[in-house]
Amino acid sequence: MVVTELYEGQGLGNQIWCYVVTRVITKDKGYDFGIMHPENFKGLDFMDLDFGRPIIGGNGPEGERPFSLPEGVKYYYSEHKIVHPVSMADIRIYDKNLINVPDDTKIDGVMQDEQYILHRKNEIRGWLKIKNEYDCFDYSSEDICIINFRGGEFSRHKELYLTQKYWNDAVAQMQQIKKGLKFIVITDDIVNAKKFFPQYEVLHFNIGKDYSIIKNAYYLILSNSSFAWFPAWLSDNLKYCIAPKYWGRHNISDGYWSCGYNITSGWHYLDRDGKIFNYDSCVKEFTNYIEKHKDLFKTEESLNRYIFKPSNKFTFLKQRGVFYIRKIKEVISRFL
């Protein structure tokens, strides 16, 4: 069995990624799977997920090395993380060790690489099926473009919060793709969204209906939030999708992606100059960036990463200390 844990501090998109990658790994390996704390899943109202075998025991800090593992689980593996030395952004890339974990392992990480799951896309559609009462087609029209605006806590981080220019350029590009489109904004933050889009209808229903509207759209302009990734990726209708180039560091990147694997096949990416890039050109550019920064993108090969070493209060405090030092550096870097 391979297990992962759904944390209270994760957003819906992050939870779905961890859930799906865990199921795909176990499908490929012939293992059972289990999900710790399924009650934390933020999509319980509108999805009926199979959470696998019941998990008993295990505890520890969110996303950190556990104090103890669940019954029957022997190992712990955390996806390899890479931090940009200046911006402190998470720029991790595909981790081949993650998909080769031994049986009876708990896995943690961001896990948002399409390579992990692409080969089981049709099965994933079934796993993430929306309940009929939440599946909304009211805005599913070839004459409508859905703009997914992410506000909330994003608005407090200038390196993350997309600019007015991004949204204006994306709309202009989409108008060239198809004339006469009507733009409708789906958001978690109506107040801020109306500041960016005073001319458009701005809507927020509930997490399930918002997710469904994105899933059923024909044209999409996305924010750099994982919330919209799965509904956009699994859409049967989608004709054209624009997303921010460099994803979580669109505003400041010199060529890196945050995360490093947030490039999705079939989508189009808008840079800060308002130019559109397809998937292949983005991959080629980022591959060259990695080649020029080999030392930064080294991955750890040691199987010792699979050995479980229980955490303790001292280790946890040390981990928290490193975390807060990184956060302080990140805050300082915003003002430099």
C-alpha atoms as a PDB file:
ATOM      1  CA  MET A   1       0.000   0.000   0.000  1.00  0.00           C
ATOM      2  CA  VAL A   2       1.042   3.587  -0.686  1.00  0.00           C
ATOM      3  CA  VAL A   3      -0.632   6.360   1.277  1.00  0.00           C
ATOM      4  CA  THR A   4      -0.717  10.121   1.299  1.00  0.00           C
ATOM      5  CA  GLU A   5      -2.343  12.590   3.647  1.00  0.00           C
ATOM      6  CA  LEU A   6      -4.840  15.371   2.988  1.00  0.00           C
ATOM      7  CA  TYR A   7      -4.004  18.373   5.152  1.00  0.00           C
ATOM      8  CA  GLU A   8      -6.307  21.100   6.408  1.00  0.00           C
ATOM      9  CA  GLY A   9      -3.904  23.728   5.083  1.00  0.00           C
ATOM     10  CA  GLN A  10      -4.019  22.462   1.509  1.00  0.00           C
ATOM     11  CA  GLY A  11      -6.275  23.989  -1.125  1.00  0.00           C
ATOM     12  CA  LEU A  12      -8.603  21.815  -3.162  1.00  0.00           C
ATOM     13  CA  GLY A  13      -6.279  21.740  -6.176  1.00  0.00           C
ATOM     14  CA  ASN A  14      -3.315  20.655  -4.063  1.00  0.00           C
ATOM     15  CA  GLN A  15      -5.377  17.927  -2.435  1.00  0.00           C
ATOM     16  CA  ILE A  16      -6.577  16.566  -5.778  1.00  0.00           C
ATOM     17  CA  TRP A  17      -3.031  16.411  -7.123  1.00  0.00           C
ATOM     18  CA  CYS A  18      -1.777  14.402  -4.149  1.00  0.00           C
ATOM     19  CA  TYR A  19      -4.795  12.116  -4.297  1.00  0.00           C
ATOM     20  CA  VAL A  20      -4.553  11.453  -8.038  1.00  0.00           C
ATOM     21  CA  VAL A  21      -0.775  10.920  -8.113  1.00  0.00           C
ATOM     22  CA  THR A  22      -1.033   8.452  -5.228  1.00  0.00           C
ATOM     23  CA  ARG A  23      -3.731   6.465  -7.030  1.00  0.00           C
ATOM     24  CA  VAL A  24      -1.795   6.464 -10.295  1.00  0.00           C
ATOM     25  CA  ILE A  25       1.387   5.211  -8.606  1.00  0.00           C
ATOM     26  CA  THR A  26      -0.501   2.368  -6.947  1.00  0.00           C
ATOM     27  CA  LYS A  27      -2.305   1.480 -10.168  1.00  0.00           C
ATOM     28  CA  ASP A  28       1.000   1.291 -12.008  1.00  0.00           C
ATOM     29  CA  LYS A  29       2.687  -0.754  -9.266  1.00  0.00           C
ATOM     30  CA  GLY A  30      -0.200  -3.025  -8.397  1.00  0.00           C
ATOM     31  CA  TYR A  31      -0.386  -1.754  -4.803  1.00  0.00           C
ATOM     32  CA  ASP A  32      -3.385  -0.783  -2.710  1.00  0.00           C
ATOM     33  CA  PHE A  33      -3.769   2.877  -1.780  1.00  0.00           C
ATOM     34  CA  GLY A  34      -5.095   4.768   1.198  1.00  0.00           C
ATOM     35  CA  ILE A  35      -5.726   8.393   2.098  1.00  0.00           C
ATOM     36  CA  MET A  36      -5.065   9.724   5.574  1.00  0.00           C
ATOM     37  CA  HIS A  37      -7.721  12.125   6.864  1.00  0.00           C
ATOM     38  CA  PRO A  38     -10.179  11.997   3.965  1.00  0.00           C
ATOM     39  CA  GLU A  39     -12.489  14.187   6.068  1.00  0.00           C
ATOM     40  CA  ASN A  40     -10.172  17.107   5.207  1.00  0.00           C
ATOM     41  CA  PHE A  41     -11.008  16.867   1.495  1.00  0.00           C
ATOM     42  CA  LYS A  42     -12.470  20.210   0.408  1.00  0.00           C
ATOM     43  CA  GLY A  43     -14.521  18.657  -2.385  1.00  0.00           C
ATOM     44  CA  LEU A  44     -16.620  16.265  -0.323  1.00  0.00           C
ATOM     45  CA  ASP A  45     -19.841  18.082  -1.218  1.00  0.00           C
ATOM     46  CA  PHE A  46     -19.511  17.669  -4.979  1.00  0.00           C
ATOM     47  CA  MET A  47     -17.290  14.592  -5.485  1.00  0.00           C
ATOM     48  CA  ASP A  48     -17.567  11.013  -4.236  1.00  0.00           C
ATOM     49  CA  LEU A  49     -13.943   9.945  -4.096  1.00  0.00           C
ATOM     50  CA  ASP A  50     -12.741   6.443  -3.400  1.00  0.00           C
ATOM     51  CA  PHE A  51     -10.309   6.930  -0.521  1.00  0.00           C
ATOM     52  CA  GLY A  52      -8.969   3.393  -0.683  1.00  0.00           C
ATOM     53  CA  ARG A  53      -8.142   1.262   2.336  1.00  0.00           C
ATOM     54  CA  PRO A  54      -8.881   2.766   5.750  1.00  0.00           C
ATOM     55  CA  ILE A  55      -5.743   4.177   7.382  1.00  0.00           C
ATOM     56  CA  ILE A  56      -5.147   3.782  11.111  1.00  0.00           C
ATOM     57  CA  GLY A  57      -2.650   5.812  13.100  1.00  0.00           C
ATOM     58  CA  GLY A  58       0.214   8.044  12.072  1.00  0.00           C
ATOM     59  CA  ASN A  59       0.749  11.668  13.030  1.00  0.00           C
ATOM     60  CA  GLY A  60       3.043  14.604  12.471  1.00  0.00           C
ATOM     61  CA  PRO A  61       3.224  18.185  11.174  1.00  0.00           C
ATOM     62  CA  GLU A  62       1.590  19.046   7.857  1.00  0.00           C
ATOM     63  CA  GLY A  63       3.816  18.144   4.925  1.00  0.00           C
ATOM     64  CA  GLU A  64       6.815  17.387   7.156  1.00  0.00           C
ATOM     65  CA  ARG A  65       8.516  14.202   8.262  1.00  0.00           C
ATOM     66  CA  PRO A  66       6.008  12.391  10.485  1.00  0.00           C
ATOM     67  CA  PHE A  67       6.413  11.628  14.176  1.00  0.00           C
ATOM     68  CA  SER A  68       4.939   8.187  13.442  1.00  0.00           C
ATOM     69  CA  LEU A  69       3.609   6.269  10.452  1.00  0.00           C
ATOM     70  CA  PRO A  70       0.226   4.550  10.068  1.00  0.00           C
ATOM     71  CA  GLU A  71      -0.193   0.889  10.818  1.00  0.00           C
ATOM     72  CA  GLY A  72       1.447  -1.269   8.149  1.00  0.00           C
ATOM     73  CA  VAL A  73       3.417   1.614   6.631  1.00  0.00           C
ATOM     74  CA  LYS A  74       7.210   1.289   6.890  1.00  0.00           C
ATOM     75  CA  TYR A  75       8.672   4.120   4.831  1.00  0.00           C
ATOM     76  CA  TYR A  76       8.274   7.837   4.197  1.00  0.00           C
ATOM     77  CA  TYR A  77       9.168   9.687   1.008  1.00  0.00           C
ATOM     78  CA  SER A  78       8.950  13.419   0.352  1.00  0.00           C
ATOM     79  CA  GLU A  79       9.084  14.611  -3.254  1.00  0.00           C
ATOM     80  CA  HIS A  80      12.410  16.289  -4.006  1.00  0.00           C
ATOM     81  CA  LYS A  81      12.126  20.057  -3.550  1.00  0.00           C
ATOM     82  CA  ILE A  82      14.273  22.706  -5.234  1.00  0.00           C
ATOM     83  CA  VAL A  83      14.259  26.287  -3.962  1.00  0.00           C
ATOM     84  CA  HIS A  84      15.360  29.191  -6.141  1.00  0.00           C
ATOM     85  CA  PRO A  85      18.309  30.838  -4.348  1.00  0.00           C
ATOM     86  CA  VAL A  86      17.100  34.418  -4.935  1.00  0.00           C
ATOM     87  CA  SER A  87      13.303  34.436  -5.015  1.00  0.00           C
ATOM     88  CA  MET A  88      12.992  31.402  -2.697  1.00  0.00           C
ATOM     89  CA  ALA A  89      10.334  30.063  -5.064  1.00  0.00           C
ATOM     90  CA  ASP A  90       9.614  26.346  -5.249  1.00  0.00           C
ATOM     91  CA  ILE A  91      10.998  25.295  -8.648  1.00  0.00           C
ATOM     92  CA  ARG A  92      10.938  21.520  -8.211  1.00  0.00           C
ATOM     93  CA  ILE A  93      10.833  19.313 -11.304  1.00  0.00           C
ATOM     94  CA  TYR A  94       9.790  15.749 -12.085  1.00  0.00           C
ATOM     95  CA  ASP A  95      11.019  13.327  -9.423  1.00  0.00           C
ATOM     96  CA  LYS A  96      11.419   9.804 -10.820  1.00  0.00           C
ATOM     97  CA  ASN A  97      11.983   8.450  -7.307  1.00  0.00           C
ATOM     98  CA  LEU A  98       8.425   9.393  -6.372  1.00  0.00           C
ATOM     99  CA  ILE A  99       6.870   6.989  -8.862  1.00  0.00           C
ATOM    100  CA  ASN A 100       9.205   4.190  -7.760  1.00  0.00           C
ATOM    101  CA  VAL A 101       8.606   4.204  -4.017  1.00  0.00           C
ATOM    102  CA  PRO A 102       8.552   0.769  -2.393  1.00  0.00           C
ATOM    103  CA  ASP A 103       5.402  -0.837  -1.086  1.00  0.00           C
ATOM    104  CA  ASP A 104       4.175   0.375   2.321  1.00  0.00           C
ATOM    105  CA  THR A 105       5.290   3.995   1.884  1.00  0.00           C
ATOM    106  CA  LYS A 106       3.727   7.296   2.859  1.00  0.00           C
ATOM    107  CA  ILE A 107       4.383  10.009   0.260  1.00  0.00           C
ATOM    108  CA  ASP A 108       4.256  13.793   0.575  1.00  0.00           C
ATOM    109  CA  GLY A 109       4.873  16.645  -1.827  1.00  0.00           C
ATOM    110  CA  VAL A 110       3.325  19.013  -4.345  1.00  0.00           C
ATOM    111  CA  MET A 111       3.248  16.363  -7.099  1.00  0.00           C
ATOM    112  CA  GLN A 112       1.910  18.690  -9.814  1.00  0.00           C
ATOM    113  CA  ASP A 113       3.645  17.262 -12.870  1.00  0.00           C
ATOM    114  CA  GLU A 114       1.459  16.077 -15.726  1.00  0.00           C
ATOM    115  CA  GLN A 115       4.067  13.372 -16.433  1.00  0.00           C
ATOM    116  CA  TYR A 116       3.053  11.581 -13.252  1.00  0.00           C
ATOM    117  CA  ILE A 117      -0.513  11.041 -14.419  1.00  0.00           C
ATOM    118  CA  LEU A 118      -0.981  11.682 -18.161  1.00  0.00           C
ATOM    119  CA  HIS A 119      -1.092   7.996 -19.117  1.00  0.00           C
ATOM    120  CA  ARG A 120      -4.195   7.459 -16.944  1.00  0.00           C
ATOM    121  CA  LYS A 121      -6.128  10.591 -17.929  1.00  0.00           C
ATOM    122  CA  ASN A 122      -9.290   8.743 -18.963  1.00  0.00           C
ATOM    123  CA  GLU A 123      -9.420   6.825 -15.682  1.00  0.00           C
ATOM    124  CA  ILE A 124      -8.872  10.035 -13.705  1.00  0.00           C
ATOM    125  CA  ARG A 125     -11.989  11.526 -15.341  1.00  0.00           C
ATOM    126  CA  GLY A 126     -13.960   8.754 -13.681  1.00  0.00           C
ATOM    127  CA  TRP A 127     -12.238   9.163 -10.318  1.00  0.00           C
ATOM    128  CA  LEU A 128     -13.016  12.907 -10.221  1.00  0.00           C
ATOM    129  CA  LYS A 129     -16.553  12.782 -11.567  1.00  0.00           C
ATOM    130  CA  ILE A 130     -18.738  15.611 -10.278  1.00  0.00           C
ATOM    131  CA  LYS A 131     -22.117  14.839  -8.722  1.00  0.00           C
ATOM    132  CA  ASN A 132     -24.921  15.592 -11.180  1.00  0.00           C
ATOM    133  CA  GLU A 133     -26.473  18.281  -9.004  1.00  0.00           C
ATOM    134  CA  TYR A 134     -23.219  20.289  -9.079  1.00  0.00           C
ATOM    135  CA  ASP A 135     -22.404  19.865 -12.774  1.00  0.00           C
ATOM    136  CA  CYS A 136     -23.269  23.275 -14.247  1.00  0.00           C
ATOM    137  CA  PHE A 137     -23.549  23.894 -18.005  1.00  0.00           C
ATOM    138  CA  ASP A 138     -25.167  27.348 -17.784  1.00  0.00           C
ATOM    139  CA  TYR A 139     -21.971  29.022 -19.018  1.00  0.00           C
ATOM    140  CA  SER A 140     -20.830  26.238 -21.319  1.00  0.00           C
ATOM    141  CA  SER A 141     -21.033  27.939 -24.700  1.00  0.00           C
ATOM    142  CA  GLU A 142     -18.697  28.460 -27.636  1.00  0.00           C
ATOM    143  CA  ASP A 143     -19.434  32.182 -27.341  1.00  0.00           C
ATOM    144  CA  ILE A 144     -18.247  32.449 -23.710  1.00  0.00           C
ATOM    145  CA  CYS A 145     -14.740  32.644 -22.295  1.00  0.00           C
ATOM    146  CA  ILE A 146     -14.408  31.909 -18.584  1.00  0.00           C
ATOM    147  CA  ILE A 147     -11.785  33.909 -16.694  1.00  0.00           C
ATOM    148  CA  ASN A 148     -10.670  32.186 -13.511  1.00  0.00           C
ATOM    149  CA  PHE A 149      -9.449  34.976 -11.216  1.00  0.00           C
ATOM    150  CA  ARG A 150      -7.653  34.007  -8.013  1.00  0.00           C
ATOM    151  CA  GLY A 151      -7.660  36.603  -5.251  1.00  0.00           C
ATOM    152  CA  GLY A 152      -7.730  35.922  -1.541  1.00  0.00           C
ATOM    153  CA  GLU A 153      -4.312  35.331  -0.012  1.00  0.00           C
ATOM    154  CA  PHE A 154      -2.679  35.667  -3.448  1.00  0.00           C
ATOM    155  CA  SER A 155      -3.356  39.419  -3.312  1.00  0.00           C
ATOM    156  CA  ARG A 156      -0.872  39.752  -0.442  1.00  0.00           C
ATOM    157  CA  HIS A 157       2.048  38.453  -2.519  1.00  0.00           C
ATOM    158  CA  LYS A 158       3.151  40.726  -5.348  1.00  0.00           C
ATOM    159  CA  GLU A 159       5.393  38.065  -6.880  1.00  0.00           C
ATOM    160  CA  LEU A 160       2.359  35.761  -7.185  1.00  0.00           C
ATOM    161  CA  TYR A 161      -0.646  38.054  -7.719  1.00  0.00           C
ATOM    162  CA  LEU A 162      -1.214  38.502 -11.446  1.00  0.00           C
ATOM    163  CA  THR A 163      -1.192  42.040 -12.767  1.00  0.00           C
ATOM    164  CA  GLN A 164      -3.825  44.022 -14.625  1.00  0.00           C
ATOM    165  CA  LYS A 165      -1.563  43.776 -17.694  1.00  0.00           C
ATOM    166  CA  TYR A 166      -1.676  39.997 -17.649  1.00  0.00           C
ATOM    167  CA  TRP A 167      -5.462  39.972 -17.650  1.00  0.00           C
ATOM    168  CA  ASN A 168      -5.743  42.692 -20.311  1.00  0.00           C
ATOM    169  CA  ASP A 169      -3.220  40.954 -22.570  1.00  0.00           C
ATOM    170  CA  ALA A 170      -4.935  37.584 -22.106  1.00  0.00           C
ATOM    171  CA  VAL A 171      -8.325  39.029 -23.060  1.00  0.00           C
ATOM    172  CA  ALA A 172      -6.807  40.724 -26.112  1.00  0.00           C
ATOM    173  CA  GLN A 173      -5.199  37.464 -27.214  1.00  0.00           C
ATOM    174  CA  MET A 174      -8.412  35.523 -26.718  1.00  0.00           C
ATOM    175  CA  GLN A 175     -10.352  38.085 -28.764  1.00  0.00           C
ATOM    176  CA  GLN A 176      -7.976  37.377 -31.633  1.00  0.00           C
ATOM    177  CA  ILE A 177      -8.567  33.639 -31.277  1.00  0.00           C
ATOM    178  CA  LYS A 178     -12.340  34.027 -31.517  1.00  0.00           C
ATOM    179  CA  LYS A 179     -14.299  37.155 -32.329  1.00  0.00           C
ATOM    180  CA  GLY A 180     -17.359  38.151 -30.340  1.00  0.00           C
ATOM    181  CA  LEU A 181     -16.588  36.267 -27.141  1.00  0.00           C
ATOM    182  CA  LYS A 182     -18.413  37.177 -23.958  1.00  0.00           C
ATOM    183  CA  PHE A 183     -16.158  37.137 -20.893  1.00  0.00           C
ATOM    184  CA  ILE A 184     -17.412  35.909 -17.515  1.00  0.00           C
ATOM    185  CA  VAL A 185     -15.256  35.888 -14.390  1.00  0.00           C
ATOM    186  CA  ILE A 186     -15.406  32.996 -11.916  1.00  0.00           C
ATOM    187  CA  THR A 187     -13.552  33.793  -8.720  1.00  0.00           C
ATOM    188  CA  ASP A 188     -13.046  33.171  -5.021  1.00  0.00           C
ATOM    189  CA  ASP A 189     -12.763  36.946  -4.454  1.00  0.00           C
ATOM    190  CA  ILE A 190     -15.552  39.029  -5.990  1.00  0.00           C
ATOM    191  CA  VAL A 191     -14.423  42.328  -4.444  1.00  0.00           C
ATOM    192  CA  ASN A 192     -10.929  42.254  -5.956  1.00  0.00           C
ATOM    193  CA  ALA A 193     -12.068  40.672  -9.209  1.00  0.00           C
ATOM    194  CA  LYS A 194     -14.444  43.579  -9.871  1.00  0.00           C
ATOM    195  CA  LYS A 195     -11.497  45.975  -9.603  1.00  0.00           C
ATOM    196  CA  PHE A 196      -9.752  44.124 -12.435  1.00  0.00           C
ATOM    197  CA  PHE A 197     -12.880  43.439 -14.513  1.00  0.00           C
ATOM    198  CA  PRO A 198     -15.423  46.235 -13.980  1.00  0.00           C
ATOM    199  CA  GLN A 199     -16.852  45.629 -17.459  1.00  0.00           C
ATOM    200  CA  TYR A 200     -17.572  41.902 -17.014  1.00  0.00           C
ATOM    201  CA  GLU A 201     -19.971  39.795 -15.002  1.00  0.00           C
ATOM    202  CA  VAL A 202     -18.144  38.538 -11.901  1.00  0.00           C
ATOM    203  CA  LEU A 203     -19.521  35.420 -10.197  1.00  0.00           C
ATOM    204  CA  HIS A 204     -18.850  33.142  -7.271  1.00  0.00           C
ATOM    205  CA  PHE A 205     -21.249  30.350  -6.363  1.00  0.00           C
ATOM    206  CA  ASN A 206     -19.694  27.566  -4.297  1.00  0.00           C
ATOM    207  CA  ILE A 207     -16.509  25.596  -4.722  1.00  0.00           C
ATOM    208  CA  GLY A 208     -18.254  22.774  -6.568  1.00  0.00           C
ATOM    209  CA  LYS A 209     -20.190  24.911  -9.028  1.00  0.00           C
ATOM    210  CA  ASP A 210     -17.188  27.155  -9.710  1.00  0.00           C
ATOM    211  CA  TYR A 211     -15.081  24.056 -10.409  1.00  0.00           C
ATOM    212  CA  SER A 212     -17.776  22.675 -12.715  1.00  0.00           C
ATOM    213  CA  ILE A 213     -18.122  25.904 -14.718  1.00  0.00           C
ATOM    214  CA  ILE A 214     -14.386  25.839 -15.428  1.00  0.00           C
ATOM    215  CA  LYS A 215     -14.564  22.147 -16.391  1.00  0.00           C
ATOM    216  CA  ASN A 216     -17.331  22.778 -18.902  1.00  0.00           C
ATOM    217  CA  ALA A 217     -15.877  25.905 -20.531  1.00  0.00           C
ATOM    218  CA  TYR A 218     -14.851  26.112 -24.188  1.00  0.00           C
ATOM    219  CA  TYR A 219     -12.420  28.998 -23.707  1.00  0.00           C
ATOM    220  CA  LEU A 220     -10.410  29.662 -20.560  1.00  0.00           C
ATOM    221  CA  ILE A 221      -8.105  32.328 -19.174  1.00  0.00           C
ATOM    222  CA  LEU A 222      -6.500  30.950 -16.035  1.00  0.00           C
ATOM    223  CA  SER A 223      -4.801  32.336 -12.982  1.00  0.00           C
ATOM    224  CA  ASN A 224      -1.738  30.573 -11.557  1.00  0.00           C
ATOM    225  CA  SER A 225      -3.808  28.609  -9.049  1.00  0.00           C
ATOM    226  CA  SER A 226      -3.963  24.821  -8.871  1.00  0.00           C
ATOM    227  CA  PHE A 227      -7.730  25.057  -8.256  1.00  0.00           C
ATOM    228  CA  ALA A 228      -8.484  25.353 -11.979  1.00  0.00           C
ATOM    229  CA  TRP A 229      -5.880  22.883 -13.230  1.00  0.00           C
ATOM    230  CA  PHE A 230      -7.849  19.648 -13.063  1.00  0.00           C
ATOM    231  CA  PRO A 231     -11.183  20.974 -14.361  1.00  0.00           C
ATOM    232  CA  ALA A 232      -9.336  22.597 -17.282  1.00  0.00           C
ATOM    233  CA  TRP A 233      -7.197  19.515 -17.960  1.00  0.00           C
ATOM    234  CA  LEU A 234     -10.124  17.088 -17.830  1.00  0.00           C
ATOM    235  CA  SER A 235     -12.470  19.229 -19.919  1.00  0.00           C
ATOM    236  CA  ASP A 236     -14.157  17.565 -22.888  1.00  0.00           C
ATOM    237  CA  ASN A 237     -15.097  20.969 -24.335  1.00  0.00           C
ATOM    238  CA  LEU A 238     -11.927  23.041 -24.083  1.00  0.00           C
ATOM    239  CA  LYS A 239     -10.818  24.636 -27.347  1.00  0.00           C
ATOM    240  CA  TYR A 240      -8.231  27.169 -26.137  1.00  0.00           C
ATOM    241  CA  CYS A 241      -6.621  27.879 -22.798  1.00  0.00           C
ATOM    242  CA  ILE A 242      -4.356  30.788 -21.828  1.00  0.00           C
ATOM    243  CA  ALA A 243      -2.316  30.608 -18.617  1.00  0.00           C
ATOM    244  CA  PRO A 244       0.526  32.729 -17.180  1.00  0.00           C
ATOM    245  CA  LYS A 245       3.979  31.797 -18.405  1.00  0.00           C
ATOM    246  CA  TYR A 246       6.221  30.674 -15.515  1.00  0.00           C
ATOM    247  CA  TRP A 247       3.011  29.943 -13.558  1.00  0.00           C
ATOM    248  CA  GLY A 248       3.581  30.924  -9.899  1.00  0.00           C
ATOM    249  CA  ARG A 249       6.364  33.376 -10.741  1.00  0.00           C
ATOM    250  CA  HIS A 250       4.956  34.952 -13.903  1.00  0.00           C
ATOM    251  CA  ASN A 251       5.641  38.405 -12.460  1.00  0.00           C
ATOM    252  CA  ILE A 252       9.353  38.012 -11.706  1.00  0.00           C
ATOM    253  CA  SER A 253      10.903  34.938 -13.369  1.00  0.00           C
ATOM    254  CA  ASP A 254      14.011  35.135 -15.545  1.00  0.00           C
ATOM    255  CA  GLY A 255      13.190  31.755 -17.107  1.00  0.00           C
ATOM    256  CA  TYR A 256      12.356  29.360 -14.276  1.00  0.00           C
ATOM    257  CA  TRP A 257       8.884  27.976 -13.577  1.00  0.00           C
ATOM    258  CA  SER A 258       7.298  27.728 -10.160  1.00  0.00           C
ATOM    259  CA  CYS A 259       6.876  24.906  -9.848  1.00  0.00           C
ATOM    260  CA  GLY A 260       9.313  23.696 -12.458  1.00  0.00           C
ATOM    261  CA  TYR A 261       6.842  21.203 -13.858  1.00  0.00           C
ATOM    262  CA  ASN A 262       3.803  23.480 -14.196  1.00  0.00           C
ATOM    263  CA  ILE A 263       3.784  23.333 -18.000  1.00  0.00           C
ATOM    264  CA  THR A 264       0.735  21.565 -19.437  1.00  0.00           C
ATOM    265  CA  SER A 265       0.433  20.020 -22.886  1.00  0.00           C
ATOM    266  CA  GLY A 266      -2.096  21.697 -25.152  1.00  0.00           C
ATOM    267  CA  TRP A 267      -2.231  24.963 -23.205  1.00  0.00           C
ATOM    268  CA  HIS A 268      -0.878  28.342 -24.267  1.00  0.00           C
ATOM    269  CA  TYR A 269       1.190  30.598 -22.038  1.00  0.00           C
ATOM    270  CA  LEU A 270       1.296  34.386 -21.942  1.00  0.00           C
ATOM    271  CA  ASP A 271       4.503  36.205 -21.008  1.00  0.00           C
ATOM    272  CA  ARG A 272       4.902  39.664 -19.447  1.00  0.00           C
ATOM    273  CA  ASP A 273       5.181  41.265 -22.898  1.00  0.00           C
ATOM    274  CA  GLY A 274       1.816  39.885 -23.936  1.00  0.00           C
ATOM    275  CA  LYS A 275       3.255  37.246 -26.282  1.00  0.00           C
ATOM    276  CA  ILE A 276       1.801  33.738 -26.528  1.00  0.00           C
ATOM    277  CA  PHE A 277       3.929  30.586 -26.310  1.00  0.00           C
ATOM    278  CA  ASN A 278       2.786  27.024 -26.918  1.00  0.00           C
ATOM    279  CA  TYR A 279       3.683  23.992 -24.832  1.00  0.00           C
ATOM    280  CA  ASP A 280       6.638  22.891 -26.958  1.00  0.00           C
ATOM    281  CA  SER A 281       8.305  26.302 -26.958  1.00  0.00           C
ATOM    282  CA  CYS A 282       7.919  26.587 -23.175  1.00  0.00           C
ATOM    283  CA  VAL A 283       9.408  23.147 -22.599  1.00  0.00           C
ATOM    284  CA  LYS A 284      12.315  23.883 -24.926  1.00  0.00           C
ATOM    285  CA  GLU A 285      13.064  27.193 -23.234  1.00  0.00           C
ATOM    286  CA  PHE A 286      12.900  25.711 -19.739  1.00  0.00           C
ATOM    287  CA  THR A 287      15.055  22.731 -20.759  1.00  0.00           C
ATOM    288  CA  ASN A 288      17.727  25.204 -21.850  1.00  0.00           C
ATOM    289  CA  TYR A 289      17.349  27.053 -18.541  1.00  0.00           C
ATOM    290  CA  ILE A 290      17.897  23.822 -16.602  1.00  0.00           C
ATOM    291  CA  GLU A 291      20.951  23.026 -18.729  1.00  0.00           C
ATOM    292  CA  LYS A 292      22.463  26.402 -17.811  1.00  0.00           C
ATOM    293  CA  HIS A 293      21.716  25.839 -14.110  1.00  0.00           C
ATOM    294  CA  LYS A 294      22.650  22.170 -13.712  1.00  0.00           C
ATOM    295  CA  ASP A 295      23.853  22.505 -10.145  1.00  0.00           C
ATOM    296  CA  LEU A 296      20.520  23.946  -9.060  1.00  0.00           C
ATOM    297  CA  PHE A 297      18.447  21.173 -10.603  1.00  0.00           C
ATOM    298  CA  LYS A 298      20.362  18.175  -9.338  1.00  0.00           C
ATOM    299  CA  THR A 299      18.056  15.478  -7.987  1.00  0.00           C
ATOM    300  CA  GLU A 300      18.825  13.144  -5.136  1.00  0.00           C
ATOM    301  CA  GLU A 301      19.157   9.502  -6.163  1.00  0.00           C
ATOM    302  CA  SER A 302      19.886   7.828  -2.820  1.00  0.00           C
ATOM    303  CA  LEU A 303      17.475   5.119  -1.741  1.00  0.00           C
ATOM    304  CA  ASN A 304      18.148   6.253   1.809  1.00  0.00           C
ATOM    305  CA  ARG A 305      15.379   8.768   1.210  1.00  0.00           C
ATOM    306  CA  TYR A 306      12.940   5.877   1.593  1.00  0.00           C
ATOM    307  CA  ILE A 307      14.090   4.971   5.085  1.00  0.00           C
ATOM    308  CA  PHE A 308      11.736   6.246   7.751  1.00  0.00           C
ATOM    309  CA  LYS A 309      13.419   8.189  10.508  1.00  0.00           C
ATOM    310  CA  PRO A 310      10.779   9.370  12.965  1.00  0.00           C
ATOM    311  CA  SER A 311      10.757  13.063  13.684  1.00  0.00           C
ATOM    312  CA  ASN A 312      10.775  14.460  17.205  1.00  0.00           C
ATOM    313  CA  LYS A 313      10.168  17.808  18.806  1.00  0.00           C
ATOM    314  CA  PHE A 314      13.769  18.899  18.333  1.00  0.00           C
ATOM    315  CA  THR A 315      13.748  17.937  14.646  1.00  0.00           C
ATOM    316  CA  PHE A 316      10.379  19.611  14.152  1.00  0.00           C
ATOM    317  CA  LEU A 317      11.584  22.859  15.744  1.00  0.00           C
ATOM    318  CA  LYS A 318      14.683  22.731  13.558  1.00  0.00           C
ATOM    319  CA  GLN A 319      12.524  22.246  10.462  1.00  0.00           C
ATOM    320  CA  ARG A 320      10.309  25.141  11.489  1.00  0.00           C
ATOM    321  CA  GLY A 321      13.389  27.297  12.028  1.00  0.00           C
ATOM    322  CA  VAL A 322      14.598  26.623   8.483  1.00  0.00           C
ATOM    323  CA  PHE A 323      11.093  27.320   7.188  1.00  0.00           C
ATOM    324  CA  TYR A 324      10.846  30.695   8.926  1.00  0.00           C
ATOM    325  CA  ILE A 325      14.345  31.714   7.809  1.00  0.00           C
ATOM    326  CA  ARG A 326      13.268  31.027   4.217  1.00  0.00           C
ATOM    327  CA  LYS A 327      10.100  33.040   4.709  1.00  0.00           C
ATOM    328  CA  ILE A 328      12.064  35.986   6.108  1.00  0.00           C
ATOM    329  CA  LYS A 329      14.427  35.852   3.110  1.00  0.00           C
ATOM    330  CA  GLU A 330      11.421  35.714   0.787  1.00  0.00           C
ATOM    331  CA  VAL A 331       9.873  38.813   2.393  1.00  0.00           C
ATOM    332  CA  ILE A 332      13.184  40.685   2.212  1.00  0.00           C
ATOM    333  CA  SER A 333      13.613  39.751  -1.452  1.00  0.00           C
ATOM    334  CA  ARG A 334      10.296  41.433  -2.310  1.00  0.00           C
ATOM    335  CA  PHE A 335      11.704  44.791  -1.311  1.00  0.00           C
ATOM    336  CA  LEU A 336      15.067  44.437  -3.062  1.00  0.00           C
END
